[in-house]
Amino acid sequence: MEYLIHLAILFAIYGILGISLNLVVGYTGLLSVTHAAFYGIGAYATAILLTSFGINFFISVIVAIIISSIAALLIGLILSKFDDDYYALASFGFNIIIFSVFLNWQELTRGPLGIPGISKPSFFDLDFSSNLSFLGLSLAILALIYFASSFIVNSSFGRVLKAIREDEKAIQVFGYNTLYYKLAIFVISAAMAAVAGSLFASYITFIDPSSFWLMESIFILAIVILGGLSNLKGSLLGALFLILLPEALRFVGLPNDIAAQMRQVIYGVILIL
């Protein structure tokens, strides 16, 4: 039972990441490969505030959102100078920069040693130290972000985002400041990713830079693509599939000496298919 709860918590965290990235990639058409950076900022902000300052988890989430939003605004202003493939390449570079900060700013992040002893959330008499209660919290936040994202994409704001994706120059002719819309959704997406990072840090109780490397951004992007661009429900299905698939392969009867390698091969083949 604990194993299933563990998988469900991971699904909730990656569901948040998939939904938030889909707002940028799927609905706005901006190929961002820097989502793990904001995910990491949220995780590190919460980890540092909980372990070094003893701040309540929910306050740390708010601080993480603010820090991630400011970082996204600054990064988004630079990314707005690029289009298409160059946008993706620049976002790729920012992910590497943020990862390097996590790895080398040892006075703050402890570098490759990571930050242990991160506490579980509590709110007055509510304690989320058990995995079951943490799952309830994670699913509640996932639902909140899902409905907030649905509201965004179905609003007039969301219709402008879709227009930017289809033909940015055409929407500019009608007087829309597309830079404002792209920056706004980029910041909103980063704030959501920071919430997922806070949940991850508190659940695992230990973080290090390896969890927020570039491959994590590619994994989140794979969730969006697999589930379907411009499809919030698809992001949930993509997260569920990519979380469960590696676990299912553990139960395939493979010889012990090649099991790990064969699981990777089978995993890749299934993704291609």
C-alpha atoms as a PDB file:
ATOM      1  CA  MET A   1       0.000   0.000   0.000  1.00  0.00           C
ATOM      2  CA  GLU A   2       2.823   2.412   0.883  1.00  0.00           C
ATOM      3  CA  TYR A   3       4.376   1.714  -2.513  1.00  0.00           C
ATOM      4  CA  LEU A   4       1.158   2.702  -4.317  1.00  0.00           C
ATOM      5  CA  ILE A   5       0.861   5.840  -2.195  1.00  0.00           C
ATOM      6  CA  HIS A   6       4.458   6.715  -3.111  1.00  0.00           C
ATOM      7  CA  LEU A   7       3.667   6.383  -6.833  1.00  0.00           C
ATOM      8  CA  ALA A   8       0.488   8.448  -6.422  1.00  0.00           C
ATOM      9  CA  ILE A   9       2.447  11.271  -4.752  1.00  0.00           C
ATOM     10  CA  LEU A  10       4.988  11.259  -7.585  1.00  0.00           C
ATOM     11  CA  PHE A  11       2.106  11.326 -10.073  1.00  0.00           C
ATOM     12  CA  ALA A  12       0.644  14.400  -8.342  1.00  0.00           C
ATOM     13  CA  ILE A  13       4.000  16.211  -8.406  1.00  0.00           C
ATOM     14  CA  TYR A  14       4.707  15.429 -12.056  1.00  0.00           C
ATOM     15  CA  GLY A  15       1.092  16.115 -12.960  1.00  0.00           C
ATOM     16  CA  ILE A  16       1.584  19.665 -11.667  1.00  0.00           C
ATOM     17  CA  LEU A  17       4.801  19.972 -13.662  1.00  0.00           C
ATOM     18  CA  GLY A  18       3.174  18.632 -16.835  1.00  0.00           C
ATOM     19  CA  ILE A  19       0.149  20.917 -16.598  1.00  0.00           C
ATOM     20  CA  SER A  20       2.256  24.000 -15.882  1.00  0.00           C
ATOM     21  CA  LEU A  21       4.660  23.350 -18.762  1.00  0.00           C
ATOM     22  CA  ASN A  22       1.764  22.660 -21.134  1.00  0.00           C
ATOM     23  CA  LEU A  23       0.564  26.225 -20.571  1.00  0.00           C
ATOM     24  CA  VAL A  24       3.834  27.453 -22.091  1.00  0.00           C
ATOM     25  CA  VAL A  25       4.632  24.787 -24.672  1.00  0.00           C
ATOM     26  CA  GLY A  26       1.197  23.544 -25.688  1.00  0.00           C
ATOM     27  CA  TYR A  27      -1.027  26.593 -25.407  1.00  0.00           C
ATOM     28  CA  THR A  28       1.464  29.368 -26.167  1.00  0.00           C
ATOM     29  CA  GLY A  29       3.811  27.522 -28.508  1.00  0.00           C
ATOM     30  CA  LEU A  30       7.026  28.409 -26.648  1.00  0.00           C
ATOM     31  CA  LEU A  31       9.450  25.473 -26.608  1.00  0.00           C
ATOM     32  CA  SER A  32      10.855  25.885 -23.116  1.00  0.00           C
ATOM     33  CA  VAL A  33      13.432  23.410 -21.792  1.00  0.00           C
ATOM     34  CA  THR A  34      14.024  25.130 -18.465  1.00  0.00           C
ATOM     35  CA  HIS A  35      11.160  23.858 -16.314  1.00  0.00           C
ATOM     36  CA  ALA A  36      13.389  21.796 -14.032  1.00  0.00           C
ATOM     37  CA  ALA A  37      15.140  25.042 -13.045  1.00  0.00           C
ATOM     38  CA  PHE A  38      11.944  26.516 -11.558  1.00  0.00           C
ATOM     39  CA  TYR A  39      11.093  23.132 -10.077  1.00  0.00           C
ATOM     40  CA  GLY A  40      14.499  23.192  -8.386  1.00  0.00           C
ATOM     41  CA  ILE A  41      14.146  26.786  -7.216  1.00  0.00           C
ATOM     42  CA  GLY A  42      10.923  25.850  -5.452  1.00  0.00           C
ATOM     43  CA  ALA A  43      12.516  22.780  -3.890  1.00  0.00           C
ATOM     44  CA  TYR A  44      15.620  24.607  -2.679  1.00  0.00           C
ATOM     45  CA  ALA A  45      13.662  27.589  -1.369  1.00  0.00           C
ATOM     46  CA  THR A  46      11.465  25.313   0.734  1.00  0.00           C
ATOM     47  CA  ALA A  47      14.381  23.121   1.842  1.00  0.00           C
ATOM     48  CA  ILE A  48      16.494  26.072   2.987  1.00  0.00           C
ATOM     49  CA  LEU A  49      13.624  27.832   4.748  1.00  0.00           C
ATOM     50  CA  LEU A  50      12.532  24.670   6.565  1.00  0.00           C
ATOM     51  CA  THR A  51      15.985  23.433   7.615  1.00  0.00           C
ATOM     52  CA  SER A  52      17.781  26.712   8.326  1.00  0.00           C
ATOM     53  CA  PHE A  53      15.000  29.004   9.509  1.00  0.00           C
ATOM     54  CA  GLY A  54      12.250  26.660  10.717  1.00  0.00           C
ATOM     55  CA  ILE A  55       9.611  28.456   8.677  1.00  0.00           C
ATOM     56  CA  ASN A  56       6.234  26.779   8.170  1.00  0.00           C
ATOM     57  CA  PHE A  57       5.964  24.742   4.962  1.00  0.00           C
ATOM     58  CA  PHE A  58       3.070  26.714   3.533  1.00  0.00           C
ATOM     59  CA  ILE A  59       4.863  30.023   4.075  1.00  0.00           C
ATOM     60  CA  SER A  60       7.917  28.524   2.384  1.00  0.00           C
ATOM     61  CA  VAL A  61       5.759  27.640  -0.625  1.00  0.00           C
ATOM     62  CA  ILE A  62       4.673  31.273  -0.940  1.00  0.00           C
ATOM     63  CA  VAL A  63       8.301  32.415  -0.750  1.00  0.00           C
ATOM     64  CA  ALA A  64       9.272  29.769  -3.322  1.00  0.00           C
ATOM     65  CA  ILE A  65       6.557  31.021  -5.670  1.00  0.00           C
ATOM     66  CA  ILE A  66       7.791  34.606  -5.322  1.00  0.00           C
ATOM     67  CA  ILE A  67      11.452  33.691  -5.938  1.00  0.00           C
ATOM     68  CA  SER A  68      10.608  31.462  -8.887  1.00  0.00           C
ATOM     69  CA  SER A  69       8.318  34.113 -10.380  1.00  0.00           C
ATOM     70  CA  ILE A  70      11.028  36.773 -10.162  1.00  0.00           C
ATOM     71  CA  ALA A  71      13.541  34.413 -11.771  1.00  0.00           C
ATOM     72  CA  ALA A  72      11.036  33.542 -14.497  1.00  0.00           C
ATOM     73  CA  LEU A  73      10.367  37.211 -15.192  1.00  0.00           C
ATOM     74  CA  LEU A  74      14.073  37.952 -15.617  1.00  0.00           C
ATOM     75  CA  ILE A  75      14.693  34.851 -17.702  1.00  0.00           C
ATOM     76  CA  GLY A  76      11.519  35.439 -19.720  1.00  0.00           C
ATOM     77  CA  LEU A  77      12.608  38.966 -20.631  1.00  0.00           C
ATOM     78  CA  ILE A  78      15.774  37.545 -22.146  1.00  0.00           C
ATOM     79  CA  LEU A  79      14.039  34.602 -23.814  1.00  0.00           C
ATOM     80  CA  SER A  80      11.563  36.999 -25.430  1.00  0.00           C
ATOM     81  CA  LYS A  81      14.412  38.172 -27.664  1.00  0.00           C
ATOM     82  CA  PHE A  82      14.483  34.748 -29.332  1.00  0.00           C
ATOM     83  CA  ASP A  83      12.088  32.696 -31.450  1.00  0.00           C
ATOM     84  CA  ASP A  84      11.505  29.028 -32.172  1.00  0.00           C
ATOM     85  CA  ASP A  85      14.694  26.924 -32.031  1.00  0.00           C
ATOM     86  CA  TYR A  86      16.739  29.765 -30.546  1.00  0.00           C
ATOM     87  CA  TYR A  87      14.161  30.113 -27.745  1.00  0.00           C
ATOM     88  CA  ALA A  88      14.604  26.416 -26.915  1.00  0.00           C
ATOM     89  CA  LEU A  89      18.400  26.708 -27.057  1.00  0.00           C
ATOM     90  CA  ALA A  90      18.439  29.764 -24.772  1.00  0.00           C
ATOM     91  CA  SER A  91      16.102  28.072 -22.266  1.00  0.00           C
ATOM     92  CA  PHE A  92      18.434  25.053 -22.399  1.00  0.00           C
ATOM     93  CA  GLY A  93      21.277  27.362 -21.386  1.00  0.00           C
ATOM     94  CA  PHE A  94      19.352  28.845 -18.465  1.00  0.00           C
ATOM     95  CA  ASN A  95      18.638  25.388 -17.090  1.00  0.00           C
ATOM     96  CA  ILE A  96      22.382  24.691 -17.076  1.00  0.00           C
ATOM     97  CA  ILE A  97      23.077  28.013 -15.328  1.00  0.00           C
ATOM     98  CA  ILE A  98      20.535  27.350 -12.569  1.00  0.00           C
ATOM     99  CA  PHE A  99      21.850  23.810 -12.128  1.00  0.00           C
ATOM    100  CA  SER A 100      25.366  25.226 -11.785  1.00  0.00           C
ATOM    101  CA  VAL A 101      24.135  27.598  -9.077  1.00  0.00           C
ATOM    102  CA  PHE A 102      22.620  24.670  -7.159  1.00  0.00           C
ATOM    103  CA  LEU A 103      25.858  22.722  -7.537  1.00  0.00           C
ATOM    104  CA  ASN A 104      28.420  25.419  -6.751  1.00  0.00           C
ATOM    105  CA  TRP A 105      26.798  27.836  -4.282  1.00  0.00           C
ATOM    106  CA  GLN A 106      27.752  25.541  -1.422  1.00  0.00           C
ATOM    107  CA  GLU A 107      27.239  28.096   1.357  1.00  0.00           C
ATOM    108  CA  LEU A 108      23.535  28.167   0.467  1.00  0.00           C
ATOM    109  CA  THR A 109      22.733  24.849  -1.203  1.00  0.00           C
ATOM    110  CA  ARG A 110      25.488  22.582   0.217  1.00  0.00           C
ATOM    111  CA  GLY A 111      26.361  21.753  -3.390  1.00  0.00           C
ATOM    112  CA  PRO A 112      26.583  18.056  -4.284  1.00  0.00           C
ATOM    113  CA  LEU A 113      26.082  17.096  -0.618  1.00  0.00           C
ATOM    114  CA  GLY A 114      22.462  18.202  -0.849  1.00  0.00           C
ATOM    115  CA  ILE A 115      20.123  19.296   1.933  1.00  0.00           C
ATOM    116  CA  PRO A 116      18.872  16.557   4.295  1.00  0.00           C
ATOM    117  CA  GLY A 117      16.341  16.624   7.112  1.00  0.00           C
ATOM    118  CA  ILE A 118      13.585  18.568   5.338  1.00  0.00           C
ATOM    119  CA  SER A 119      10.438  18.421   7.462  1.00  0.00           C
ATOM    120  CA  LYS A 120       6.931  17.424   6.386  1.00  0.00           C
ATOM    121  CA  PRO A 121       4.122  20.030   6.212  1.00  0.00           C
ATOM    122  CA  SER A 122       1.904  20.952   9.134  1.00  0.00           C
ATOM    123  CA  PHE A 123      -0.833  23.530   9.494  1.00  0.00           C
ATOM    124  CA  PHE A 124      -2.130  24.257  13.001  1.00  0.00           C
ATOM    125  CA  ASP A 125      -3.556  20.888  14.135  1.00  0.00           C
ATOM    126  CA  LEU A 126      -3.216  19.310  10.693  1.00  0.00           C
ATOM    127  CA  ASP A 127      -0.150  17.119  10.310  1.00  0.00           C
ATOM    128  CA  PHE A 128       0.917  15.759   6.914  1.00  0.00           C
ATOM    129  CA  SER A 129       3.806  13.632   8.146  1.00  0.00           C
ATOM    130  CA  SER A 130       2.240  10.349   7.015  1.00  0.00           C
ATOM    131  CA  ASN A 131       2.424   9.456   3.339  1.00  0.00           C
ATOM    132  CA  LEU A 132      -1.355   9.062   3.136  1.00  0.00           C
ATOM    133  CA  SER A 133      -2.030  12.560   4.460  1.00  0.00           C
ATOM    134  CA  PHE A 134       0.733  13.946   2.232  1.00  0.00           C
ATOM    135  CA  LEU A 135      -0.961  12.282  -0.734  1.00  0.00           C
ATOM    136  CA  GLY A 136      -4.205  14.044   0.153  1.00  0.00           C
ATOM    137  CA  LEU A 137      -2.390  17.384   0.261  1.00  0.00           C
ATOM    138  CA  SER A 138      -0.618  16.706  -3.052  1.00  0.00           C
ATOM    139  CA  LEU A 139      -3.830  15.700  -4.832  1.00  0.00           C
ATOM    140  CA  ALA A 140      -5.627  18.756  -3.446  1.00  0.00           C
ATOM    141  CA  ILE A 141      -2.907  21.056  -4.799  1.00  0.00           C
ATOM    142  CA  LEU A 142      -2.922  19.183  -8.125  1.00  0.00           C
ATOM    143  CA  ALA A 143      -6.686  19.682  -8.400  1.00  0.00           C
ATOM    144  CA  LEU A 144      -6.338  23.384  -7.547  1.00  0.00           C
ATOM    145  CA  ILE A 145      -3.681  23.885 -10.219  1.00  0.00           C
ATOM    146  CA  TYR A 146      -5.652  21.865 -12.768  1.00  0.00           C
ATOM    147  CA  PHE A 147      -8.798  23.974 -12.325  1.00  0.00           C
ATOM    148  CA  ALA A 148      -6.791  27.219 -12.267  1.00  0.00           C
ATOM    149  CA  SER A 149      -5.111  26.184 -15.521  1.00  0.00           C
ATOM    150  CA  SER A 150      -8.470  25.247 -17.045  1.00  0.00           C
ATOM    151  CA  PHE A 151      -9.790  28.677 -16.134  1.00  0.00           C
ATOM    152  CA  ILE A 152      -6.749  30.321 -17.745  1.00  0.00           C
ATOM    153  CA  VAL A 153      -6.935  28.425 -21.033  1.00  0.00           C
ATOM    154  CA  ASN A 154     -10.692  28.919 -21.385  1.00  0.00           C
ATOM    155  CA  SER A 155     -10.549  32.646 -20.618  1.00  0.00           C
ATOM    156  CA  SER A 156      -9.951  35.502 -23.044  1.00  0.00           C
ATOM    157  CA  PHE A 157      -6.341  35.448 -21.819  1.00  0.00           C
ATOM    158  CA  GLY A 158      -6.075  31.825 -22.896  1.00  0.00           C
ATOM    159  CA  ARG A 159      -7.544  32.568 -26.309  1.00  0.00           C
ATOM    160  CA  VAL A 160      -4.809  35.152 -26.871  1.00  0.00           C
ATOM    161  CA  LEU A 161      -2.195  32.554 -25.893  1.00  0.00           C
ATOM    162  CA  LYS A 162      -3.571  30.163 -28.508  1.00  0.00           C
ATOM    163  CA  ALA A 163      -3.537  32.958 -31.075  1.00  0.00           C
ATOM    164  CA  ILE A 164       0.121  33.643 -30.275  1.00  0.00           C
ATOM    165  CA  ARG A 165       0.857  29.972 -30.851  1.00  0.00           C
ATOM    166  CA  GLU A 166      -0.875  29.994 -34.237  1.00  0.00           C
ATOM    167  CA  ASP A 167       0.352  33.343 -35.590  1.00  0.00           C
ATOM    168  CA  GLU A 168       1.959  35.865 -33.264  1.00  0.00           C
ATOM    169  CA  LYS A 169       2.309  38.578 -35.895  1.00  0.00           C
ATOM    170  CA  ALA A 170      -1.377  38.381 -36.775  1.00  0.00           C
ATOM    171  CA  ILE A 171      -2.473  38.917 -33.180  1.00  0.00           C
ATOM    172  CA  GLN A 172      -0.058  41.854 -32.889  1.00  0.00           C
ATOM    173  CA  VAL A 173      -1.896  43.530 -35.774  1.00  0.00           C
ATOM    174  CA  PHE A 174      -4.980  43.706 -33.551  1.00  0.00           C
ATOM    175  CA  GLY A 175      -3.060  45.642 -30.903  1.00  0.00           C
ATOM    176  CA  TYR A 176      -2.161  42.869 -28.471  1.00  0.00           C
ATOM    177  CA  ASN A 177       1.154  43.171 -26.664  1.00  0.00           C
ATOM    178  CA  THR A 178       2.274  39.584 -27.095  1.00  0.00           C
ATOM    179  CA  LEU A 179       5.368  40.099 -24.930  1.00  0.00           C
ATOM    180  CA  TYR A 180       3.111  40.775 -21.941  1.00  0.00           C
ATOM    181  CA  TYR A 181       1.114  37.592 -22.520  1.00  0.00           C
ATOM    182  CA  LYS A 182       4.189  35.409 -23.036  1.00  0.00           C
ATOM    183  CA  LEU A 183       5.864  36.776 -19.925  1.00  0.00           C
ATOM    184  CA  ALA A 184       2.706  36.400 -17.870  1.00  0.00           C
ATOM    185  CA  ILE A 185       2.150  32.736 -18.741  1.00  0.00           C
ATOM    186  CA  PHE A 186       5.857  31.970 -18.343  1.00  0.00           C
ATOM    187  CA  VAL A 187       5.791  33.408 -14.808  1.00  0.00           C
ATOM    188  CA  ILE A 188       2.543  31.606 -13.945  1.00  0.00           C
ATOM    189  CA  SER A 189       3.988  28.327 -15.193  1.00  0.00           C
ATOM    190  CA  ALA A 190       7.187  28.824 -13.181  1.00  0.00           C
ATOM    191  CA  ALA A 191       5.180  29.567 -10.024  1.00  0.00           C
ATOM    192  CA  MET A 192       3.271  26.304 -10.459  1.00  0.00           C
ATOM    193  CA  ALA A 193       6.532  24.414 -10.985  1.00  0.00           C
ATOM    194  CA  ALA A 194       7.869  25.925  -7.748  1.00  0.00           C
ATOM    195  CA  VAL A 195       4.880  24.475  -5.863  1.00  0.00           C
ATOM    196  CA  ALA A 196       5.735  21.033  -7.267  1.00  0.00           C
ATOM    197  CA  GLY A 197       9.340  21.552  -6.142  1.00  0.00           C
ATOM    198  CA  SER A 198       8.216  22.422  -2.618  1.00  0.00           C
ATOM    199  CA  LEU A 199       6.112  19.270  -2.449  1.00  0.00           C
ATOM    200  CA  PHE A 200       8.990  17.166  -3.772  1.00  0.00           C
ATOM    201  CA  ALA A 201      11.487  18.526  -1.252  1.00  0.00           C
ATOM    202  CA  SER A 202       9.179  18.019   1.704  1.00  0.00           C
ATOM    203  CA  TYR A 203       8.138  14.533   0.593  1.00  0.00           C
ATOM    204  CA  ILE A 204      11.601  13.132  -0.160  1.00  0.00           C
ATOM    205  CA  THR A 205      13.101  15.091   2.810  1.00  0.00           C
ATOM    206  CA  PHE A 206      16.381  15.372   0.891  1.00  0.00           C
ATOM    207  CA  ILE A 207      17.354  17.196  -2.287  1.00  0.00           C
ATOM    208  CA  ASP A 208      20.529  17.615  -4.307  1.00  0.00           C
ATOM    209  CA  PRO A 209      21.269  19.200  -7.715  1.00  0.00           C
ATOM    210  CA  SER A 210      20.970  15.899  -9.615  1.00  0.00           C
ATOM    211  CA  SER A 211      17.176  16.030  -9.303  1.00  0.00           C
ATOM    212  CA  PHE A 212      17.024  19.247 -11.343  1.00  0.00           C
ATOM    213  CA  TRP A 213      19.445  18.566 -14.177  1.00  0.00           C
ATOM    214  CA  LEU A 214      18.529  19.158 -17.813  1.00  0.00           C
ATOM    215  CA  MET A 215      17.239  15.604 -18.250  1.00  0.00           C
ATOM    216  CA  GLU A 216      14.489  16.420 -15.768  1.00  0.00           C
ATOM    217  CA  SER A 217      13.298  19.243 -18.033  1.00  0.00           C
ATOM    218  CA  ILE A 218      13.305  16.835 -20.961  1.00  0.00           C
ATOM    219  CA  PHE A 219      11.344  14.298 -18.918  1.00  0.00           C
ATOM    220  CA  ILE A 220       8.693  16.925 -18.085  1.00  0.00           C
ATOM    221  CA  LEU A 221       8.573  17.932 -21.752  1.00  0.00           C
ATOM    222  CA  ALA A 222       8.078  14.253 -22.642  1.00  0.00           C
ATOM    223  CA  ILE A 223       5.057  14.182 -20.309  1.00  0.00           C
ATOM    224  CA  VAL A 224       3.518  17.111 -22.200  1.00  0.00           C
ATOM    225  CA  ILE A 225       4.249  15.695 -25.652  1.00  0.00           C
ATOM    226  CA  LEU A 226       3.096  12.184 -24.777  1.00  0.00           C
ATOM    227  CA  GLY A 227      -0.127  13.411 -23.201  1.00  0.00           C
ATOM    228  CA  GLY A 228      -0.785  15.884 -25.996  1.00  0.00           C
ATOM    229  CA  LEU A 229      -0.044  19.547 -26.524  1.00  0.00           C
ATOM    230  CA  SER A 230      -2.879  21.881 -25.450  1.00  0.00           C
ATOM    231  CA  ASN A 231      -4.453  19.080 -23.426  1.00  0.00           C
ATOM    232  CA  LEU A 232      -4.469  19.421 -19.641  1.00  0.00           C
ATOM    233  CA  LYS A 233      -6.022  16.003 -19.080  1.00  0.00           C
ATOM    234  CA  GLY A 234      -3.392  14.607 -21.411  1.00  0.00           C
ATOM    235  CA  SER A 235      -0.667  16.030 -19.169  1.00  0.00           C
ATOM    236  CA  LEU A 236      -2.107  14.021 -16.291  1.00  0.00           C
ATOM    237  CA  LEU A 237      -2.245  10.879 -18.411  1.00  0.00           C
ATOM    238  CA  GLY A 238       1.296  11.481 -19.644  1.00  0.00           C
ATOM    239  CA  ALA A 239       2.534  11.880 -16.060  1.00  0.00           C
ATOM    240  CA  LEU A 240       0.699   8.733 -14.983  1.00  0.00           C
ATOM    241  CA  PHE A 241       2.115   6.705 -17.872  1.00  0.00           C
ATOM    242  CA  LEU A 242       5.723   7.842 -17.457  1.00  0.00           C
ATOM    243  CA  ILE A 243       5.625   7.339 -13.687  1.00  0.00           C
ATOM    244  CA  LEU A 244       4.075   3.869 -13.855  1.00  0.00           C
ATOM    245  CA  LEU A 245       5.950   2.500 -16.873  1.00  0.00           C
ATOM    246  CA  PRO A 246       9.432   2.223 -15.261  1.00  0.00           C
ATOM    247  CA  GLU A 247       7.847   0.693 -12.165  1.00  0.00           C
ATOM    248  CA  ALA A 248       5.925  -1.860 -14.232  1.00  0.00           C
ATOM    249  CA  LEU A 249       9.153  -2.890 -15.947  1.00  0.00           C
ATOM    250  CA  ARG A 250      10.574  -3.865 -12.552  1.00  0.00           C
ATOM    251  CA  PHE A 251       8.192  -6.806 -12.512  1.00  0.00           C
ATOM    252  CA  VAL A 252       9.232  -8.114 -15.924  1.00  0.00           C
ATOM    253  CA  GLY A 253      11.161 -11.348 -15.445  1.00  0.00           C
ATOM    254  CA  LEU A 254      14.551 -10.334 -16.832  1.00  0.00           C
ATOM    255  CA  PRO A 255      17.917 -11.931 -15.928  1.00  0.00           C
ATOM    256  CA  ASN A 256      19.499 -10.066 -13.018  1.00  0.00           C
ATOM    257  CA  ASP A 257      22.787  -9.356 -14.808  1.00  0.00           C
ATOM    258  CA  ILE A 258      21.101  -7.433 -17.660  1.00  0.00           C
ATOM    259  CA  ALA A 259      17.829  -6.374 -16.012  1.00  0.00           C
ATOM    260  CA  ALA A 260      18.716  -2.688 -15.532  1.00  0.00           C
ATOM    261  CA  GLN A 261      19.984  -2.225 -19.085  1.00  0.00           C
ATOM    262  CA  MET A 262      17.092  -4.136 -20.646  1.00  0.00           C
ATOM    263  CA  ARG A 263      14.556  -2.069 -18.730  1.00  0.00           C
ATOM    264  CA  GLN A 264      16.073   1.070 -20.249  1.00  0.00           C
ATOM    265  CA  VAL A 265      15.929  -0.455 -23.743  1.00  0.00           C
ATOM    266  CA  ILE A 266      12.324  -1.595 -23.336  1.00  0.00           C
ATOM    267  CA  TYR A 267      11.386   1.799 -21.871  1.00  0.00           C
ATOM    268  CA  GLY A 268      12.870   3.585 -24.890  1.00  0.00           C
ATOM    269  CA  VAL A 269      11.201   1.261 -27.391  1.00  0.00           C
ATOM    270  CA  ILE A 270       7.788   1.733 -25.755  1.00  0.00           C
ATOM    271  CA  LEU A 271       8.196   5.531 -25.875  1.00  0.00           C
ATOM    272  CA  ILE A 272       9.095   5.371 -29.566  1.00  0.00           C
ATOM    273  CA  LEU A 273       6.103   3.145 -30.325  1.00  0.00           C
END
